[in-house]
Amino acid sequence: MKLNNYLLITAGIIIIILLCICIWAMGNATSREDPVAYKPSDNLSHEIQSLQSQFGISKWELNSEKNEIVIYVYDIQEEEEIRELQRKRVENLTIKAIHDTDFENTRAEVTEYLSRLRRNNPDYQIARISMVTDAFGDPPGNYAELWVYNSTPENQKLDGTVIQGWTIQIYPMAPLPAES
């Protein structure tokens, strides 16, 4: 009888210890910084955004375990700029730059698709195509702006659709003033 009580007490203690460990682990998991929820300081935001004068930034993320900000860059003119940027420190974070060739390839594919629509189907009335990336927006996003001569059912159906992660936005152009 004493052995059974001893086993029950031991099992109860083990269960309580395991529950405490689970609660502790859950608390640590939720206290980690989430890259999506992370709001950089004004100084850090300014520093990252100022890099856009050298190349485009398709996205960025915080790696809190390594105390680094990873920025994905495109349209690099000089590879030396990227080498100089690597390991630069801003506040207590190190910058790591990665050439985002996947972004460049996808942007080229979407641009080519929209250019074919423009050439092959006059019903879309596409005058100009602009590819815009906003890595710092809330939420961040990639947009294909189609400036159209006239609003048509074809281009209105395209408005708001997403092609390979690029949201299509239709902007009718103002007509030219009539000659008097």
Protein backbone atom coordinates (compact mmCIF):
# COMPACT_ATOMS: atom_id res chain seq x y z
CA MET A 1 0.00 0.00 0.00
CA LYS A 2 2.83 2.40 0.84
CA LEU A 3 4.51 1.69 -2.54
CA ASN A 4 1.30 2.59 -4.41
CA ASN A 5 1.02 5.92 -2.55
CA TYR A 6 4.69 6.65 -3.25
CA LEU A 7 4.18 5.94 -6.98
CA LEU A 8 1.06 8.12 -7.13
CA ILE A 9 2.84 11.03 -5.40
CA THR A 10 5.87 10.66 -7.70
CA ALA A 11 3.66 10.56 -10.79
CA GLY A 12 1.79 13.67 -9.58
CA ILE A 13 5.04 15.56 -9.02
CA ILE A 14 6.30 14.61 -12.50
CA ILE A 15 3.04 15.78 -14.08
CA ILE A 16 3.21 19.11 -12.22
CA ILE A 17 6.85 19.61 -13.30
CA LEU A 18 5.95 18.84 -16.94
CA LEU A 19 3.05 21.31 -16.83
CA CYS A 20 5.33 24.01 -15.41
CA ILE A 21 7.87 23.36 -18.17
CA CYS A 22 5.13 23.59 -20.84
CA ILE A 23 3.80 26.85 -19.41
CA TRP A 24 7.32 28.29 -19.25
CA ALA A 25 8.05 27.20 -22.86
CA MET A 26 4.80 28.73 -24.13
CA GLY A 27 5.63 32.00 -22.42
CA ASN A 28 9.06 32.10 -24.04
CA ALA A 29 7.65 31.24 -27.47
CA THR A 30 5.14 34.09 -27.39
CA SER A 31 7.65 36.63 -26.10
CA ARG A 32 9.97 36.24 -29.08
CA GLU A 33 9.82 39.07 -31.55
CA ASP A 34 7.73 38.30 -34.58
CA PRO A 35 9.28 39.82 -37.75
CA VAL A 36 5.85 40.80 -39.03
CA ALA A 37 4.90 42.56 -35.79
CA TYR A 38 8.31 44.18 -35.29
CA LYS A 39 8.17 47.94 -35.62
CA PRO A 40 11.61 49.42 -36.24
CA SER A 41 12.67 52.64 -34.58
CA ASP A 42 12.53 55.82 -36.65
CA ASN A 43 16.33 55.80 -36.94
CA LEU A 44 16.39 52.20 -38.18
CA SER A 45 13.52 52.79 -40.64
CA HIS A 46 15.26 55.88 -41.99
CA GLU A 47 18.57 54.00 -42.35
CA ILE A 48 16.98 51.09 -44.27
CA GLN A 49 14.85 53.35 -46.48
CA SER A 50 17.88 55.50 -47.32
CA LEU A 51 19.46 52.42 -48.92
CA GLN A 52 16.80 52.56 -51.65
CA SER A 53 18.79 55.28 -53.41
CA GLN A 54 21.39 52.59 -54.23
CA PHE A 55 19.10 49.65 -55.11
CA GLY A 56 15.57 48.41 -54.60
CA ILE A 57 14.45 46.60 -51.47
CA SER A 58 11.85 43.91 -52.10
CA LYS A 59 11.39 42.94 -48.45
CA TRP A 60 13.14 42.91 -45.12
CA GLU A 61 12.92 40.89 -41.94
CA LEU A 62 14.30 40.83 -38.45
CA ASN A 63 16.32 37.81 -37.30
CA SER A 64 16.23 38.45 -33.57
CA GLU A 65 18.23 35.32 -32.78
CA LYS A 66 21.21 36.71 -34.70
CA ASN A 67 20.49 40.40 -34.00
CA GLU A 68 20.38 41.18 -37.69
CA ILE A 69 18.13 42.76 -40.23
CA VAL A 70 18.01 40.86 -43.50
CA ILE A 71 17.20 43.01 -46.53
CA TYR A 72 16.44 41.51 -49.93
CA VAL A 73 17.75 43.80 -52.66
CA TYR A 74 17.23 44.01 -56.42
CA ASP A 75 18.37 46.13 -59.36
CA ILE A 76 21.91 46.24 -58.05
CA GLN A 77 24.12 48.53 -60.14
CA GLU A 78 27.38 47.89 -58.30
CA GLU A 79 28.09 44.64 -56.46
CA GLU A 80 30.58 46.62 -54.36
CA GLU A 81 27.65 48.46 -52.76
CA ILE A 82 26.34 45.16 -51.42
CA ARG A 83 29.76 44.10 -50.11
CA GLU A 84 30.10 47.44 -48.29
CA LEU A 85 26.64 47.06 -46.80
CA GLN A 86 27.25 43.59 -45.38
CA ARG A 87 27.86 43.66 -41.65
CA LYS A 88 27.04 47.36 -41.30
CA ARG A 89 25.65 48.02 -37.82
CA VAL A 90 22.56 50.10 -37.13
CA GLU A 91 21.63 50.44 -33.49
CA ASN A 92 22.31 46.96 -32.07
CA LEU A 93 21.59 45.14 -35.34
CA THR A 94 23.81 43.98 -38.18
CA ILE A 95 22.57 44.37 -41.75
CA LYS A 96 22.71 41.36 -44.04
CA ALA A 97 21.87 41.97 -47.71
CA ILE A 98 20.72 39.22 -50.07
CA HIS A 99 20.40 39.70 -53.84
CA ASP A 100 16.75 38.81 -54.53
CA THR A 101 17.01 37.18 -57.94
CA ASP A 102 13.66 35.39 -57.41
CA PHE A 103 11.99 38.79 -57.09
CA GLU A 104 13.72 40.07 -60.25
CA ASN A 105 12.68 36.97 -62.23
CA THR A 106 9.06 37.09 -61.05
CA ARG A 107 8.80 40.81 -61.78
CA ALA A 108 10.14 40.18 -65.30
CA GLU A 109 7.62 37.36 -65.88
CA VAL A 110 4.67 39.47 -64.72
CA THR A 111 5.86 42.44 -66.79
CA GLU A 112 6.15 40.21 -69.88
CA TYR A 113 2.66 38.78 -69.29
CA LEU A 114 1.13 42.25 -68.99
CA SER A 115 3.10 43.47 -72.02
CA ARG A 116 1.63 40.61 -74.09
CA LEU A 117 -1.87 41.66 -72.95
CA ARG A 118 -1.08 45.19 -74.04
CA ARG A 119 0.22 44.10 -77.48
CA ASN A 120 -2.26 41.34 -78.24
CA ASN A 121 -5.55 42.63 -76.88
CA PRO A 122 -6.49 46.26 -77.55
CA ASP A 123 -9.64 45.83 -75.39
CA TYR A 124 -7.46 46.26 -72.29
CA GLN A 125 -6.57 49.82 -73.44
CA ILE A 126 -3.19 49.66 -71.63
CA ALA A 127 -1.13 52.80 -72.16
CA ARG A 128 1.65 52.20 -69.63
CA ILE A 129 2.80 49.52 -67.15
CA SER A 130 4.60 50.47 -63.93
CA MET A 131 5.96 47.91 -61.47
CA VAL A 132 6.00 49.30 -57.91
CA THR A 133 7.32 47.64 -54.75
CA ASP A 134 6.52 48.96 -51.30
CA ALA A 135 8.60 46.98 -48.78
CA PHE A 136 7.79 49.46 -46.01
CA GLY A 137 4.03 49.80 -46.44
CA ASP A 138 1.47 48.46 -44.03
CA PRO A 139 1.10 45.87 -45.39
CA PRO A 140 4.09 45.69 -47.73
CA GLY A 141 3.30 44.73 -51.31
CA ASN A 142 4.12 44.55 -54.99
CA TYR A 143 1.87 46.36 -57.44
CA ALA A 144 1.55 46.39 -61.21
CA GLU A 145 0.02 49.74 -62.10
CA LEU A 146 -1.73 49.69 -65.46
CA TRP A 147 -2.46 53.14 -66.80
CA VAL A 148 -5.29 52.75 -69.31
CA TYR A 149 -6.68 55.06 -71.99
CA ASN A 150 -10.26 54.16 -71.14
CA SER A 151 -11.98 52.07 -68.51
CA THR A 152 -13.25 48.88 -70.15
CA PRO A 153 -14.91 45.72 -68.81
CA GLU A 154 -11.69 43.83 -69.63
CA ASN A 155 -9.35 46.05 -67.64
CA GLN A 156 -11.87 46.45 -64.80
CA LYS A 157 -11.98 42.64 -64.39
CA LEU A 158 -8.20 42.72 -64.10
CA ASP A 159 -8.25 45.42 -61.39
CA GLY A 160 -7.37 43.93 -57.99
CA THR A 161 -6.34 40.53 -59.28
CA VAL A 162 -3.03 39.06 -58.13
CA ILE A 163 -0.54 37.56 -60.57
CA GLN A 164 2.41 35.77 -58.96
CA GLY A 165 2.19 37.99 -55.88
CA TRP A 166 1.73 41.26 -57.82
CA THR A 167 -1.57 43.08 -57.29
CA ILE A 168 -2.91 44.67 -60.47
CA GLN A 169 -4.16 48.24 -60.09
CA ILE A 170 -5.99 49.99 -62.95
CA TYR A 171 -5.69 53.77 -63.33
CA PRO A 172 -7.67 55.45 -66.12
CA MET A 173 -5.79 58.38 -67.63
CA ALA A 174 -7.47 61.73 -68.00
CA PRO A 175 -8.42 62.48 -71.59
CA LEU A 176 -6.44 65.09 -73.44
CA PRO A 177 -8.19 68.47 -73.58
CA ALA A 178 -10.15 69.07 -76.78
CA GLU A 179 -8.65 71.57 -79.18
CA SER A 180 -10.59 74.81 -79.45
